[in-house]
């Protein structure tokens, strides 16, 4: 069975080096079971470490008026430096409607 999606490492296990996790996912890419590796909820340093092991296809980040952090914490610059990577922006709304 061949999976056509990329695998997203949603949260990094603090007890496991990111390099170990990416190496395991890279083996799945090489076997053709996944197309690429994505990261979520990581900082710029983690992205660099992961990308050194295997090219990272995408990084999910939250960007909103209330969380503009990716514009200032190096994540967007890190993704931009690595031309093969894209940042997937996740927005949240705090609009509340009354019934």
C-alpha atoms as a PDB file:
ATOM      1  CA  UNK A   1       0.000   0.000   0.000  1.00  0.00           C
ATOM      2  CA  UNK A   2       1.402   3.396  -0.966  1.00  0.00           C
ATOM      3  CA  UNK A   3       0.464   6.482   1.024  1.00  0.00           C
ATOM      4  CA  UNK A   4       0.385   9.712  -0.941  1.00  0.00           C
ATOM      5  CA  UNK A   5       0.378  12.188   1.909  1.00  0.00           C
ATOM      6  CA  UNK A   6       3.231  13.682   3.856  1.00  0.00           C
ATOM      7  CA  UNK A   7       3.589  12.704   7.477  1.00  0.00           C
ATOM      8  CA  UNK A   8       3.406  15.527  10.010  1.00  0.00           C
ATOM      9  CA  UNK A   9       5.386  15.201  13.206  1.00  0.00           C
ATOM     10  CA  UNK A  10       2.781  17.032  15.275  1.00  0.00           C
ATOM     11  CA  UNK A  11       4.684  17.312  18.519  1.00  0.00           C
ATOM     12  CA  UNK A  12       8.312  16.621  19.234  1.00  0.00           C
ATOM     13  CA  UNK A  13       8.920  14.167  22.056  1.00  0.00           C
ATOM     14  CA  UNK A  14      11.323  15.978  24.414  1.00  0.00           C
ATOM     15  CA  UNK A  15      12.837  12.602  25.396  1.00  0.00           C
ATOM     16  CA  UNK A  16      13.717  11.695  21.801  1.00  0.00           C
ATOM     17  CA  UNK A  17      16.208  13.718  19.749  1.00  0.00           C
ATOM     18  CA  UNK A  18      14.554  15.268  16.693  1.00  0.00           C
ATOM     19  CA  UNK A  19      17.262  13.679  14.561  1.00  0.00           C
ATOM     20  CA  UNK A  20      16.080  10.199  15.638  1.00  0.00           C
ATOM     21  CA  UNK A  21      12.457  10.926  14.745  1.00  0.00           C
ATOM     22  CA  UNK A  22      13.352  12.447  11.371  1.00  0.00           C
ATOM     23  CA  UNK A  23      15.652   9.525  10.532  1.00  0.00           C
ATOM     24  CA  UNK A  24      12.762   7.092  11.128  1.00  0.00           C
ATOM     25  CA  UNK A  25      10.399   9.165   8.957  1.00  0.00           C
ATOM     26  CA  UNK A  26      13.088   9.507   6.269  1.00  0.00           C
ATOM     27  CA  UNK A  27      13.202   5.719   6.006  1.00  0.00           C
ATOM     28  CA  UNK A  28       9.466   5.746   5.258  1.00  0.00           C
ATOM     29  CA  UNK A  29      10.038   8.360   2.552  1.00  0.00           C
ATOM     30  CA  UNK A  30      12.790   6.227   1.000  1.00  0.00           C
ATOM     31  CA  UNK A  31      10.484   3.187   1.074  1.00  0.00           C
ATOM     32  CA  UNK A  32       7.809   5.223  -0.737  1.00  0.00           C
ATOM     33  CA  UNK A  33       5.304   4.944   2.105  1.00  0.00           C
ATOM     34  CA  UNK A  34       5.050   8.711   2.583  1.00  0.00           C
ATOM     35  CA  UNK A  35       5.892  11.567   0.200  1.00  0.00           C
ATOM     36  CA  UNK A  36       7.517  13.941   2.640  1.00  0.00           C
ATOM     37  CA  UNK A  37       8.001  15.066   6.209  1.00  0.00           C
ATOM     38  CA  UNK A  38       6.259  17.990   7.861  1.00  0.00           C
ATOM     39  CA  UNK A  39       6.723  19.532  11.288  1.00  0.00           C
ATOM     40  CA  UNK A  40       4.315  21.280  13.618  1.00  0.00           C
ATOM     41  CA  UNK A  41       4.797  23.220  16.841  1.00  0.00           C
ATOM     42  CA  UNK A  42       8.580  23.504  16.510  1.00  0.00           C
ATOM     43  CA  UNK A  43      11.083  26.336  16.801  1.00  0.00           C
ATOM     44  CA  UNK A  44      13.673  27.480  14.263  1.00  0.00           C
ATOM     45  CA  UNK A  45      16.488  25.477  15.855  1.00  0.00           C
ATOM     46  CA  UNK A  46      14.480  22.258  15.654  1.00  0.00           C
ATOM     47  CA  UNK A  47      13.667  22.930  12.000  1.00  0.00           C
ATOM     48  CA  UNK A  48      17.377  23.343  11.213  1.00  0.00           C
ATOM     49  CA  UNK A  49      18.317  20.135  13.066  1.00  0.00           C
ATOM     50  CA  UNK A  50      15.562  18.152  11.328  1.00  0.00           C
ATOM     51  CA  UNK A  51      16.381  19.541   7.893  1.00  0.00           C
ATOM     52  CA  UNK A  52      20.032  18.529   8.354  1.00  0.00           C
ATOM     53  CA  UNK A  53      18.900  14.882   8.562  1.00  0.00           C
ATOM     54  CA  UNK A  54      16.328  14.948   5.736  1.00  0.00           C
ATOM     55  CA  UNK A  55      14.645  17.719   3.713  1.00  0.00           C
ATOM     56  CA  UNK A  56      11.517  18.965   5.477  1.00  0.00           C
ATOM     57  CA  UNK A  57       8.572  19.565   3.141  1.00  0.00           C
ATOM     58  CA  UNK A  58       6.526  21.869   5.343  1.00  0.00           C
ATOM     59  CA  UNK A  59       6.158  23.440   8.751  1.00  0.00           C
ATOM     60  CA  UNK A  60       2.762  24.193  10.280  1.00  0.00           C
ATOM     61  CA  UNK A  61       2.689  27.396  12.291  1.00  0.00           C
ATOM     62  CA  UNK A  62      -0.038  29.457  13.859  1.00  0.00           C
ATOM     63  CA  UNK A  63      -0.131  33.087  12.774  1.00  0.00           C
ATOM     64  CA  UNK A  64      -2.808  35.514  13.878  1.00  0.00           C
ATOM     65  CA  UNK A  65      -3.214  38.957  15.386  1.00  0.00           C
ATOM     66  CA  UNK A  66      -2.859  37.287  18.782  1.00  0.00           C
ATOM     67  CA  UNK A  67       0.120  35.065  17.885  1.00  0.00           C
ATOM     68  CA  UNK A  68       2.427  36.971  15.503  1.00  0.00           C
ATOM     69  CA  UNK A  69       5.447  35.114  16.946  1.00  0.00           C
ATOM     70  CA  UNK A  70       6.516  33.358  13.700  1.00  0.00           C
ATOM     71  CA  UNK A  71       7.236  36.771  12.186  1.00  0.00           C
ATOM     72  CA  UNK A  72       9.792  37.527  14.897  1.00  0.00           C
ATOM     73  CA  UNK A  73      11.166  34.242  16.280  1.00  0.00           C
ATOM     74  CA  UNK A  74      13.123  33.031  13.242  1.00  0.00           C
ATOM     75  CA  UNK A  75      10.678  30.399  11.987  1.00  0.00           C
ATOM     76  CA  UNK A  76       9.666  32.225   8.804  1.00  0.00           C
ATOM     77  CA  UNK A  77      13.303  33.109   8.024  1.00  0.00           C
ATOM     78  CA  UNK A  78      14.365  29.489   8.543  1.00  0.00           C
ATOM     79  CA  UNK A  79      11.655  28.234   6.179  1.00  0.00           C
ATOM     80  CA  UNK A  80      12.587  30.894   3.622  1.00  0.00           C
ATOM     81  CA  UNK A  81      16.287  29.887   3.766  1.00  0.00           C
ATOM     82  CA  UNK A  82      15.355  26.339   2.798  1.00  0.00           C
ATOM     83  CA  UNK A  83      13.779  26.740  -0.620  1.00  0.00           C
ATOM     84  CA  UNK A  84      12.282  23.221  -0.600  1.00  0.00           C
ATOM     85  CA  UNK A  85      10.227  23.980   2.507  1.00  0.00           C
ATOM     86  CA  UNK A  86       6.976  25.886   2.869  1.00  0.00           C
ATOM     87  CA  UNK A  87       5.267  27.291   5.929  1.00  0.00           C
ATOM     88  CA  UNK A  88       1.632  26.253   6.308  1.00  0.00           C
ATOM     89  CA  UNK A  89      -0.161  28.995   8.164  1.00  0.00           C
ATOM     90  CA  UNK A  90      -2.934  28.061  10.546  1.00  0.00           C
ATOM     91  CA  UNK A  91      -5.205  30.907  11.583  1.00  0.00           C
ATOM     92  CA  UNK A  92      -7.622  31.059  14.432  1.00  0.00           C
ATOM     93  CA  UNK A  93     -10.578  33.320  14.920  1.00  0.00           C
ATOM     94  CA  UNK A  94     -11.937  34.586  18.184  1.00  0.00           C
ATOM     95  CA  UNK A  95     -15.185  35.836  16.696  1.00  0.00           C
ATOM     96  CA  UNK A  96     -18.123  34.883  18.852  1.00  0.00           C
ATOM     97  CA  UNK A  97     -21.725  34.998  17.739  1.00  0.00           C
ATOM     98  CA  UNK A  98     -24.760  35.137  19.992  1.00  0.00           C
ATOM     99  CA  UNK A  99     -27.668  32.844  19.291  1.00  0.00           C
END
